[in-house]
Amino acid sequence: SDIYDVQLGENEYWVMGDNRLGSFDSRGWGILNGDLIHGRIKFRIFSLDRQEKWLPLEILLHPIDFFRRCRWARSLQFVS
C-alpha cells in the first residue's frame, strides 16, 4: 500500500521521489529534518526511469536501455 498518515512537527518534511513506488525516500527512511535542506532545485538535467539505485551502476549495467528510459520530456527544464 502507498498510503501514509504522517504528523509533521515544525521544521520537518515528508519527501517523496518522482518514481512513486521505486524511489527511496521518506517512505523508506522517515521524516526529513529541515536543517538538512541546504538549497532548492532550480534546474532538472534529466529524469530517468531506472532499475538500479546507483546511477553509475545503471549506466554500466544497462548502457543502451539507459537512453531509452530517459524521460526526455522532463529533461533540461527549470523547476518552479
PDB file of N, CA and C in Angstrom:
ATOM      1  N   SER A   1       0.832  -1.187   0.000  1.00  0.00           N
ATOM      2  CA  SER A   1       0.000   0.000   0.000  1.00  0.00           C
ATOM      3  C   SER A   1       0.875   1.249   0.000  1.00  0.00           C
ATOM      4  N   ASP A   2       0.399   2.296  -0.606  1.00  0.00           N
ATOM      5  CA  ASP A   2       1.148   3.544  -0.704  1.00  0.00           C
ATOM      6  C   ASP A   2       0.367   4.668  -0.030  1.00  0.00           C
ATOM      7  N   ILE A   3      -0.214   4.373   1.146  1.00  0.00           N
ATOM      8  CA  ILE A   3      -0.988   5.354   1.892  1.00  0.00           C
ATOM      9  C   ILE A   3      -0.324   5.561   3.249  1.00  0.00           C
ATOM     10  N   TYR A   4      -0.089   6.818   3.607  1.00  0.00           N
ATOM     11  CA  TYR A   4       0.592   7.143   4.858  1.00  0.00           C
ATOM     12  C   TYR A   4      -0.161   8.242   5.584  1.00  0.00           C
ATOM     13  N   ASP A   5      -0.232   8.120   6.900  1.00  0.00           N
ATOM     14  CA  ASP A   5      -0.795   9.161   7.750  1.00  0.00           C
ATOM     15  C   ASP A   5       0.344   9.636   8.640  1.00  0.00           C
ATOM     16  N   VAL A   6       0.932  10.758   8.280  1.00  0.00           N
ATOM     17  CA  VAL A   6       2.137  11.241   8.955  1.00  0.00           C
ATOM     18  C   VAL A   6       1.856  12.599   9.586  1.00  0.00           C
ATOM     19  N   GLN A   7       2.234  12.745  10.824  1.00  0.00           N
ATOM     20  CA  GLN A   7       2.119  14.027  11.519  1.00  0.00           C
ATOM     21  C   GLN A   7       3.503  14.664  11.560  1.00  0.00           C
ATOM     22  N   LEU A   8       3.643  15.845  10.974  1.00  0.00           N
ATOM     23  CA  LEU A   8       4.931  16.529  10.924  1.00  0.00           C
ATOM     24  C   LEU A   8       4.989  17.624  11.969  1.00  0.00           C
ATOM     25  N   GLY A   9       6.147  17.741  12.601  1.00  0.00           N
ATOM     26  CA  GLY A   9       6.374  18.821  13.534  1.00  0.00           C
ATOM     27  C   GLY A   9       6.963  20.020  12.807  1.00  0.00           C
ATOM     28  N   GLU A  10       7.300  21.028  13.574  1.00  0.00           N
ATOM     29  CA  GLU A  10       7.920  22.220  12.999  1.00  0.00           C
ATOM     30  C   GLU A  10       9.274  21.842  12.409  1.00  0.00           C
ATOM     31  N   ASN A  11       9.557  22.346  11.225  1.00  0.00           N
ATOM     32  CA  ASN A  11      10.817  22.112  10.530  1.00  0.00           C
ATOM     33  C   ASN A  11      11.027  20.636  10.169  1.00  0.00           C
ATOM     34  N   GLU A  12       9.941  19.910   9.931  1.00  0.00           N
ATOM     35  CA  GLU A  12      10.019  18.522   9.479  1.00  0.00           C
ATOM     36  C   GLU A  12       9.331  18.416   8.118  1.00  0.00           C
ATOM     37  N   TYR A  13       9.873  17.545   7.264  1.00  0.00           N
ATOM     38  CA  TYR A  13       9.364  17.410   5.898  1.00  0.00           C
ATOM     39  C   TYR A  13       9.207  15.945   5.534  1.00  0.00           C
ATOM     40  N   TRP A  14       8.190  15.663   4.745  1.00  0.00           N
ATOM     41  CA  TRP A  14       7.960  14.342   4.175  1.00  0.00           C
ATOM     42  C   TRP A  14       8.344  14.450   2.704  1.00  0.00           C
ATOM     43  N   VAL A  15       9.333  13.701   2.272  1.00  0.00           N
ATOM     44  CA  VAL A  15       9.913  13.845   0.941  1.00  0.00           C
ATOM     45  C   VAL A  15       9.616  12.602   0.111  1.00  0.00           C
ATOM     46  N   MET A  16       9.079  12.819  -1.110  1.00  0.00           N
ATOM     47  CA  MET A  16       8.798  11.692  -2.000  1.00  0.00           C
ATOM     48  C   MET A  16       9.442  11.922  -3.355  1.00  0.00           C
ATOM     49  N   GLY A  17      10.029  10.862  -3.886  1.00  0.00           N
ATOM     50  CA  GLY A  17      10.631  10.932  -5.208  1.00  0.00           C
ATOM     51  C   GLY A  17       9.583  10.874  -6.302  1.00  0.00           C
ATOM     52  N   ASP A  18       9.992  11.122  -7.535  1.00  0.00           N
ATOM     53  CA  ASP A  18       9.032  11.150  -8.640  1.00  0.00           C
ATOM     54  C   ASP A  18       8.713   9.762  -9.181  1.00  0.00           C
ATOM     55  N   ASN A  19       9.463   8.762  -8.780  1.00  0.00           N
ATOM     56  CA  ASN A  19       9.170   7.380  -9.170  1.00  0.00           C
ATOM     57  C   ASN A  19       8.460   6.738  -7.979  1.00  0.00           C
ATOM     58  N   ARG A  20       7.196   7.048  -7.808  1.00  0.00           N
ATOM     59  CA  ARG A  20       6.431   6.781  -6.589  1.00  0.00           C
ATOM     60  C   ARG A  20       6.728   5.445  -5.918  1.00  0.00           C
ATOM     61  N   LEU A  21       6.654   4.352  -6.632  1.00  0.00           N
ATOM     62  CA  LEU A  21       6.852   3.050  -5.992  1.00  0.00           C
ATOM     63  C   LEU A  21       8.305   2.593  -6.017  1.00  0.00           C
ATOM     64  N   GLY A  22       9.167   3.294  -6.736  1.00  0.00           N
ATOM     65  CA  GLY A  22      10.557   2.870  -6.837  1.00  0.00           C
ATOM     66  C   GLY A  22      11.550   3.791  -6.164  1.00  0.00           C
ATOM     67  N   SER A  23      11.111   4.914  -5.628  1.00  0.00           N
ATOM     68  CA  SER A  23      12.024   5.872  -5.021  1.00  0.00           C
ATOM     69  C   SER A  23      12.319   5.497  -3.573  1.00  0.00           C
ATOM     70  N   PHE A  24      13.565   5.674  -3.174  1.00  0.00           N
ATOM     71  CA  PHE A  24      13.936   5.510  -1.771  1.00  0.00           C
ATOM     72  C   PHE A  24      13.857   6.888  -1.153  1.00  0.00           C
ATOM     73  N   ASP A  25      12.804   7.153  -0.414  1.00  0.00           N
ATOM     74  CA  ASP A  25      12.501   8.486   0.085  1.00  0.00           C
ATOM     75  C   ASP A  25      11.977   8.385   1.506  1.00  0.00           C
ATOM     76  N   SER A  26      11.155   9.313   1.952  1.00  0.00           N
ATOM     77  CA  SER A  26      10.656   9.309   3.331  1.00  0.00           C
ATOM     78  C   SER A  26       9.890   8.036   3.679  1.00  0.00           C
ATOM     79  N   ARG A  27       9.357   7.376   2.682  1.00  0.00           N
ATOM     80  CA  ARG A  27       8.682   6.106   2.966  1.00  0.00           C
ATOM     81  C   ARG A  27       9.679   5.052   3.416  1.00  0.00           C
ATOM     82  N   GLY A  28      10.941   5.211   3.041  1.00  0.00           N
ATOM     83  CA  GLY A  28      11.973   4.258   3.441  1.00  0.00           C
ATOM     84  C   GLY A  28      12.805   4.714   4.622  1.00  0.00           C
ATOM     85  N   TRP A  29      13.099   6.019   4.710  1.00  0.00           N
ATOM     86  CA  TRP A  29      13.982   6.497   5.768  1.00  0.00           C
ATOM     87  C   TRP A  29      13.337   7.498   6.710  1.00  0.00           C
ATOM     88  N   GLY A  30      12.065   7.788   6.531  1.00  0.00           N
ATOM     89  CA  GLY A  30      11.335   8.598   7.508  1.00  0.00           C
ATOM     90  C   GLY A  30      11.338  10.092   7.235  1.00  0.00           C
ATOM     91  N   ILE A  31      10.996  10.826   8.260  1.00  0.00           N
ATOM     92  CA  ILE A  31      10.846  12.283   8.183  1.00  0.00           C
ATOM     93  C   ILE A  31      12.210  12.952   8.038  1.00  0.00           C
ATOM     94  N   LEU A  32      12.254  13.993   7.225  1.00  0.00           N
ATOM     95  CA  LEU A  32      13.489  14.749   6.998  1.00  0.00           C
ATOM     96  C   LEU A  32      13.492  16.005   7.858  1.00  0.00           C
ATOM     97  N   ASN A  33      14.568  16.193   8.594  1.00  0.00           N
ATOM     98  CA  ASN A  33      14.740  17.399   9.395  1.00  0.00           C
ATOM     99  C   ASN A  33      15.091  18.557   8.457  1.00  0.00           C
ATOM    100  N   GLY A  34      14.403  19.672   8.591  1.00  0.00           N
ATOM    101  CA  GLY A  34      14.617  20.835   7.731  1.00  0.00           C
ATOM    102  C   GLY A  34      16.026  21.387   7.783  1.00  0.00           C
ATOM    103  N   ASP A  35      16.759  21.127   8.872  1.00  0.00           N
ATOM    104  CA  ASP A  35      18.141  21.599   8.973  1.00  0.00           C
ATOM    105  C   ASP A  35      19.057  20.919   7.957  1.00  0.00           C
ATOM    106  N   LEU A  36      18.608  19.802   7.404  1.00  0.00           N
ATOM    107  CA  LEU A  36      19.409  19.081   6.406  1.00  0.00           C
ATOM    108  C   LEU A  36      19.166  19.589   4.988  1.00  0.00           C
ATOM    109  N   ILE A  37      18.213  20.481   4.816  1.00  0.00           N
ATOM    110  CA  ILE A  37      17.924  21.039   3.492  1.00  0.00           C
ATOM    111  C   ILE A  37      18.803  22.267   3.291  1.00  0.00           C
ATOM    112  N   HIS A  38      19.637  22.229   2.258  1.00  0.00           N
ATOM    113  CA  HIS A  38      20.616  23.298   2.033  1.00  0.00           C
ATOM    114  C   HIS A  38      20.348  24.131   0.792  1.00  0.00           C
ATOM    115  N   GLY A  39      19.369  23.760   0.025  1.00  0.00           N
ATOM    116  CA  GLY A  39      19.116  24.513  -1.193  1.00  0.00           C
ATOM    117  C   GLY A  39      17.802  24.092  -1.818  1.00  0.00           C
ATOM    118  N   ARG A  40      17.574  24.586  -2.992  1.00  0.00           N
ATOM    119  CA  ARG A  40      16.350  24.294  -3.718  1.00  0.00           C
ATOM    120  C   ARG A  40      16.710  23.940  -5.147  1.00  0.00           C
ATOM    121  N   ILE A  41      16.030  22.961  -5.689  1.00  0.00           N
ATOM    122  CA  ILE A  41      16.283  22.557  -7.070  1.00  0.00           C
ATOM    123  C   ILE A  41      15.744  23.634  -7.997  1.00  0.00           C
ATOM    124  N   LYS A  42      16.578  24.085  -8.920  1.00  0.00           N
ATOM    125  CA  LYS A  42      16.176  25.107  -9.885  1.00  0.00           C
ATOM    126  C   LYS A  42      16.107  24.567 -11.309  1.00  0.00           C
ATOM    127  N   PHE A  43      16.913  23.521 -11.582  1.00  0.00           N
ATOM    128  CA  PHE A  43      17.002  23.017 -12.945  1.00  0.00           C
ATOM    129  C   PHE A  43      17.156  21.501 -12.925  1.00  0.00           C
ATOM    130  N   ARG A  44      16.332  20.794 -13.710  1.00  0.00           N
ATOM    131  CA  ARG A  44      16.411  19.343 -13.814  1.00  0.00           C
ATOM    132  C   ARG A  44      17.194  19.007 -15.076  1.00  0.00           C
ATOM    133  N   ILE A  45      18.291  18.285 -14.912  1.00  0.00           N
ATOM    134  CA  ILE A  45      19.101  17.887 -16.063  1.00  0.00           C
ATOM    135  C   ILE A  45      18.413  16.756 -16.808  1.00  0.00           C
ATOM    136  N   PHE A  46      18.077  15.682 -16.104  1.00  0.00           N
ATOM    137  CA  PHE A  46      17.324  14.611 -16.747  1.00  0.00           C
ATOM    138  C   PHE A  46      16.534  13.834 -15.716  1.00  0.00           C
ATOM    139  N   SER A  47      15.540  13.112 -16.200  1.00  0.00           N
ATOM    140  CA  SER A  47      14.705  12.255 -15.374  1.00  0.00           C
ATOM    141  C   SER A  47      14.794  10.865 -15.968  1.00  0.00           C
ATOM    142  N   LEU A  48      14.991   9.882 -15.112  1.00  0.00           N
ATOM    143  CA  LEU A  48      15.246   8.531 -15.600  1.00  0.00           C
ATOM    144  C   LEU A  48      14.387   7.522 -14.867  1.00  0.00           C
ATOM    145  N   ASP A  49      13.763   6.641 -15.617  1.00  0.00           N
ATOM    146  CA  ASP A  49      13.048   5.508 -15.048  1.00  0.00           C
ATOM    147  C   ASP A  49      14.070   4.385 -14.962  1.00  0.00           C
ATOM    148  N   ARG A  50      14.738   4.266 -13.828  1.00  0.00           N
ATOM    149  CA  ARG A  50      15.861   3.337 -13.743  1.00  0.00           C
ATOM    150  C   ARG A  50      15.569   2.137 -12.864  1.00  0.00           C
ATOM    151  N   GLN A  51      16.384   1.095 -13.055  1.00  0.00           N
ATOM    152  CA  GLN A  51      16.241  -0.144 -12.300  1.00  0.00           C
ATOM    153  C   GLN A  51      17.194  -0.180 -11.108  1.00  0.00           C
ATOM    154  N   GLU A  52      18.387   0.369 -11.267  1.00  0.00           N
ATOM    155  CA  GLU A  52      19.400   0.324 -10.214  1.00  0.00           C
ATOM    156  C   GLU A  52      19.291   1.560  -9.331  1.00  0.00           C
ATOM    157  N   LYS A  53      19.658   1.427  -8.058  1.00  0.00           N
ATOM    158  CA  LYS A  53      19.603   2.566  -7.126  1.00  0.00           C
ATOM    159  C   LYS A  53      20.729   3.562  -7.385  1.00  0.00           C
ATOM    160  N   TRP A  54      21.872   3.086  -7.850  1.00  0.00           N
ATOM    161  CA  TRP A  54      23.057   3.918  -8.015  1.00  0.00           C
ATOM    162  C   TRP A  54      23.240   4.217  -9.500  1.00  0.00           C
ATOM    163  N   LEU A  55      23.190   5.485  -9.888  1.00  0.00           N
ATOM    164  CA  LEU A  55      23.206   5.890 -11.294  1.00  0.00           C
ATOM    165  C   LEU A  55      24.405   5.336 -12.079  1.00  0.00           C
ATOM    166  N   PRO A  56      25.650   5.413 -11.573  1.00  0.00           N
ATOM    167  CA  PRO A  56      26.763   4.842 -12.357  1.00  0.00           C
ATOM    168  C   PRO A  56      26.593   3.347 -12.638  1.00  0.00           C
ATOM    169  N   LEU A  57      26.014   2.630 -11.690  1.00  0.00           N
ATOM    170  CA  LEU A  57      25.774   1.204 -11.913  1.00  0.00           C
ATOM    171  C   LEU A  57      24.704   1.001 -12.984  1.00  0.00           C
ATOM    172  N   GLU A  58      23.706   1.858 -12.987  1.00  0.00           N
ATOM    173  CA  GLU A  58      22.659   1.808 -14.013  1.00  0.00           C
ATOM    174  C   GLU A  58      23.266   1.977 -15.406  1.00  0.00           C
ATOM    175  N   ILE A  59      24.128   2.955 -15.565  1.00  0.00           N
ATOM    176  CA  ILE A  59      24.761   3.221 -16.862  1.00  0.00           C
ATOM    177  C   ILE A  59      25.661   2.059 -17.274  1.00  0.00           C
ATOM    178  N   LEU A  60      26.385   1.504 -16.311  1.00  0.00           N
ATOM    179  CA  LEU A  60      27.303   0.394 -16.586  1.00  0.00           C
ATOM    180  C   LEU A  60      26.563  -0.883 -16.976  1.00  0.00           C
ATOM    181  N   LEU A  61      25.498  -1.204 -16.256  1.00  0.00           N
ATOM    182  CA  LEU A  61      24.784  -2.457 -16.497  1.00  0.00           C
ATOM    183  C   LEU A  61      23.766  -2.380 -17.641  1.00  0.00           C
ATOM    184  N   HIS A  62      23.251  -1.186 -17.905  1.00  0.00           N
ATOM    185  CA  HIS A  62      22.214  -1.039 -18.924  1.00  0.00           C
ATOM    186  C   HIS A  62      22.527   0.144 -19.845  1.00  0.00           C
ATOM    187  N   PRO A  63      23.663   0.138 -20.544  1.00  0.00           N
ATOM    188  CA  PRO A  63      24.064   1.326 -21.316  1.00  0.00           C
ATOM    189  C   PRO A  63      23.114   1.689 -22.455  1.00  0.00           C
ATOM    190  N   ILE A  64      22.560   0.722 -23.137  1.00  0.00           N
ATOM    191  CA  ILE A  64      21.673   1.013 -24.257  1.00  0.00           C
ATOM    192  C   ILE A  64      20.290   1.414 -23.753  1.00  0.00           C
ATOM    193  N   ASP A  65      19.763   0.641 -22.810  1.00  0.00           N
ATOM    194  CA  ASP A  65      18.447   0.948 -22.250  1.00  0.00           C
ATOM    195  C   ASP A  65      18.439   2.257 -21.482  1.00  0.00           C
ATOM    196  N   PHE A  66      19.592   2.692 -20.999  1.00  0.00           N
ATOM    197  CA  PHE A  66      19.685   3.936 -20.240  1.00  0.00           C
ATOM    198  C   PHE A  66      19.069   5.087 -21.033  1.00  0.00           C
ATOM    199  N   PHE A  67      19.416   5.206 -22.299  1.00  0.00           N
ATOM    200  CA  PHE A  67      18.908   6.312 -23.117  1.00  0.00           C
ATOM    201  C   PHE A  67      17.440   6.132 -23.489  1.00  0.00           C
ATOM    202  N   ARG A  68      16.988   4.892 -23.558  1.00  0.00           N
ATOM    203  CA  ARG A  68      15.573   4.643 -23.827  1.00  0.00           C
ATOM    204  C   ARG A  68      14.704   4.983 -22.622  1.00  0.00           C
ATOM    205  N   ARG A  69      15.256   4.793 -21.429  1.00  0.00           N
ATOM    206  CA  ARG A  69      14.483   5.032 -20.209  1.00  0.00           C
ATOM    207  C   ARG A  69      14.563   6.478 -19.722  1.00  0.00           C
ATOM    208  N   CYS A  70      15.343   7.305 -20.388  1.00  0.00           N
ATOM    209  CA  CYS A  70      15.358   8.726 -20.034  1.00  0.00           C
ATOM    210  C   CYS A  70      13.996   9.328 -20.375  1.00  0.00           C
ATOM    211  N   ARG A  71      13.472  10.098 -19.462  1.00  0.00           N
ATOM    212  CA  ARG A  71      12.213  10.799 -19.716  1.00  0.00           C
ATOM    213  C   ARG A  71      12.581  12.144 -20.338  1.00  0.00           C
ATOM    214  N   TRP A  72      12.748  12.146 -21.645  1.00  0.00           N
ATOM    215  CA  TRP A  72      13.255  13.319 -22.346  1.00  0.00           C
ATOM    216  C   TRP A  72      12.326  14.519 -22.222  1.00  0.00           C
ATOM    217  N   ALA A  73      11.012  14.288 -22.107  1.00  0.00           N
ATOM    218  CA  ALA A  73      10.079  15.403 -21.962  1.00  0.00           C
ATOM    219  C   ALA A  73      10.227  16.104 -20.610  1.00  0.00           C
ATOM    220  N   ARG A  74      10.849  15.431 -19.659  1.00  0.00           N
ATOM    221  CA  ARG A  74      11.068  16.032 -18.332  1.00  0.00           C
ATOM    222  C   ARG A  74      12.508  16.431 -18.127  1.00  0.00           C
ATOM    223  N   SER A  75      13.305  16.419 -19.146  1.00  0.00           N
ATOM    224  CA  SER A  75      14.739  16.741 -19.033  1.00  0.00           C
ATOM    225  C   SER A  75      15.011  18.168 -19.480  1.00  0.00           C
ATOM    226  N   LEU A  76      16.108  18.713 -18.988  1.00  0.00           N
ATOM    227  CA  LEU A  76      16.563  20.073 -19.322  1.00  0.00           C
ATOM    228  C   LEU A  76      15.458  21.099 -19.110  1.00  0.00           C
ATOM    229  N   GLN A  77      14.927  21.134 -17.891  1.00  0.00           N
ATOM    230  CA  GLN A  77      13.839  22.054 -17.555  1.00  0.00           C
ATOM    231  C   GLN A  77      14.140  22.821 -16.272  1.00  0.00           C
ATOM    232  N   PHE A  78      13.662  24.044 -16.210  1.00  0.00           N
ATOM    233  CA  PHE A  78      13.679  24.786 -14.962  1.00  0.00           C
ATOM    234  C   PHE A  78      12.541  24.253 -14.103  1.00  0.00           C
ATOM    235  N   VAL A  79      12.767  24.142 -12.811  1.00  0.00           N
ATOM    236  CA  VAL A  79      11.774  23.635 -11.870  1.00  0.00           C
ATOM    237  C   VAL A  79      11.245  24.801 -11.043  1.00  0.00           C
ATOM    238  N   SER A  80       9.934  24.959 -10.995  1.00  0.00           N
ATOM    239  CA  SER A  80       9.369  26.084 -10.229  1.00  0.00           C
ATOM    240  C   SER A  80       8.978  25.653  -8.832  1.00  0.00           C
TER     241      SER A  80
END
